Amino acid sequence: MNRDGQILLTLSITVATRSAGVVVLLLRGSMRLADVDSFRMALARVLHAHRPAKVQLDFAAVTEIDSGAAVMVTEAAREAARGETAVTIVDASSAVHQRIRLAGGDGLLR
C-alpha cells in the first residue's frame, strides 16, 4: 500500500546510495515474473555504473512476490555475487521472506 492506502499493483524501483560501497535498490509494490526484466536491468545498471562491494535489495515496501519472480531474484543475486558484489535482501515481509527462502535464497535474506 502507498501512503494513500492504495495497493500498488506494479513494481517501482529506486536506486539510492546508503554509504560508501553500498547501493540500495528500493523496491515497492507487487513483484511478478513479468517485472523481472525491469529488476534485472536496474541491478545490471547499478553493478555497471557503481561497481559496489554490496547491494541491498530493500523489500520493505514489496507487497507480494510470485514464485517465478522469487526464483529470478535469487538467480540474479547469485550472478552478481560471481562478480564480487555481495547482494542481500533486507526488510522483507514474512510472506516475501518465505517465497525467497523457498526459491533457494535463504543465504540472501537479512
Protein backbone atom coordinates (compact mmCIF):
# COMPACT_ATOMS: atom_id res chain seq x y z
CA MET A 1 0.00 0.00 0.00
CA ASN A 2 1.13 3.51 -0.65
CA ARG A 3 0.63 6.49 1.68
CA ASP A 4 -2.95 6.91 0.44
CA GLY A 5 -3.89 3.33 1.33
CA GLN A 6 -3.93 2.15 -2.28
CA ILE A 7 -2.42 -1.22 -3.17
CA LEU A 8 0.48 -0.92 -5.60
CA LEU A 9 0.00 -3.47 -8.37
CA THR A 10 3.14 -2.58 -10.27
CA LEU A 11 6.76 -2.68 -9.27
CA SER A 12 8.69 0.53 -8.69
CA ILE A 13 12.48 0.53 -8.29
CA THR A 14 14.52 3.40 -6.87
CA VAL A 15 18.31 3.38 -6.52
CA ALA A 16 19.98 5.01 -3.52
CA THR A 17 23.49 5.05 -2.09
CA ARG A 18 23.38 4.29 1.61
CA SER A 19 27.10 4.56 2.34
CA ALA A 20 30.42 4.16 0.56
CA GLY A 21 30.37 0.94 -1.38
CA VAL A 22 26.71 0.11 -0.56
CA VAL A 23 23.96 0.69 -3.11
CA VAL A 24 20.32 0.04 -2.28
CA LEU A 25 17.55 -0.89 -4.68
CA LEU A 26 14.30 0.17 -3.01
CA LEU A 27 11.50 -1.97 -4.41
CA ARG A 28 7.83 -1.06 -3.99
CA GLY A 29 4.62 -2.80 -4.99
CA SER A 30 3.89 -6.24 -6.30
CA MET A 31 6.68 -8.22 -7.97
CA ARG A 32 5.62 -10.70 -10.62
CA LEU A 33 7.56 -12.71 -13.16
CA ALA A 34 6.66 -10.02 -15.74
CA ASP A 35 8.60 -7.47 -13.61
CA VAL A 36 11.83 -9.45 -13.52
CA ASP A 37 13.31 -7.90 -16.68
CA SER A 38 12.97 -4.42 -15.16
CA PHE A 39 14.55 -5.65 -11.95
CA ARG A 40 17.44 -7.32 -13.78
CA MET A 41 18.08 -4.17 -15.85
CA ALA A 42 18.10 -1.98 -12.72
CA LEU A 43 20.50 -4.35 -10.97
CA ALA A 44 22.76 -4.54 -14.04
CA ARG A 45 22.87 -0.73 -14.31
CA VAL A 46 23.85 -0.44 -10.64
CA LEU A 47 26.55 -3.08 -10.97
CA HIS A 48 27.98 -1.47 -14.10
CA ALA A 49 27.76 2.18 -13.01
CA HIS A 50 28.78 1.87 -9.36
CA ARG A 51 30.70 -1.41 -9.11
CA PRO A 52 29.62 -1.61 -5.47
CA ALA A 53 31.01 -4.01 -2.91
CA LYS A 54 27.45 -4.53 -1.61
CA VAL A 55 23.94 -4.21 -2.99
CA GLN A 56 20.96 -4.32 -0.68
CA LEU A 57 17.58 -5.19 -2.15
CA ASP A 58 15.17 -3.40 0.17
CA PHE A 59 11.88 -5.32 0.06
CA ALA A 60 10.18 -3.38 2.89
CA ALA A 61 7.54 -2.00 0.51
CA VAL A 62 7.08 -5.12 -1.62
CA THR A 63 3.50 -6.24 -1.06
CA GLU A 64 3.88 -9.64 -2.71
CA ILE A 65 6.19 -11.67 -4.91
CA ASP A 66 5.19 -14.63 -7.04
CA SER A 67 7.25 -17.80 -7.04
CA GLY A 68 8.69 -17.21 -10.54
CA ALA A 69 9.92 -13.74 -9.58
CA ALA A 70 11.40 -15.10 -6.35
CA VAL A 71 13.43 -17.64 -8.32
CA MET A 72 14.66 -15.00 -10.77
CA VAL A 73 15.62 -12.55 -7.98
CA THR A 74 17.59 -15.33 -6.30
CA GLU A 75 19.37 -16.19 -9.57
CA ALA A 76 20.17 -12.53 -10.32
CA ALA A 77 21.65 -12.07 -6.84
CA ARG A 78 23.83 -15.15 -7.29
CA GLU A 79 25.05 -13.87 -10.67
CA ALA A 80 26.02 -10.55 -9.06
CA ALA A 81 27.92 -12.42 -6.37
CA ARG A 82 30.03 -14.10 -9.07
CA GLY A 83 31.16 -10.59 -9.98
CA GLU A 84 32.30 -9.99 -6.39
CA THR A 85 29.31 -7.93 -5.28
CA ALA A 86 27.55 -9.18 -2.16
CA VAL A 87 23.78 -8.98 -2.58
CA THR A 88 21.37 -9.20 0.33
CA ILE A 89 17.61 -8.89 0.67
CA VAL A 90 16.57 -6.75 3.61
CA ASP A 91 13.31 -5.91 5.37
CA ALA A 92 11.15 -8.44 3.53
CA SER A 93 7.72 -9.25 4.94
CA SER A 94 7.25 -12.76 6.29
CA ALA A 95 5.32 -13.81 3.15
CA VAL A 96 8.01 -12.44 0.81
CA HIS A 97 10.72 -13.91 3.06
CA GLN A 98 9.07 -17.34 2.74
CA ARG A 99 8.89 -17.13 -1.08
CA ILE A 100 12.56 -16.15 -1.35
CA ARG A 101 13.54 -18.92 1.04
CA LEU A 102 11.56 -21.50 -0.97
CA ALA A 103 13.29 -20.24 -4.13
CA GLY A 104 16.67 -21.11 -2.60
CA GLY A 105 17.54 -17.60 -1.48
CA ASP A 106 17.97 -18.35 2.22
CA GLY A 107 21.55 -17.04 2.23
CA LEU A 108 20.43 -13.70 0.77
CA LEU A 109 17.92 -12.83 3.49
CA ARG A 110 18.81 -10.45 6.32
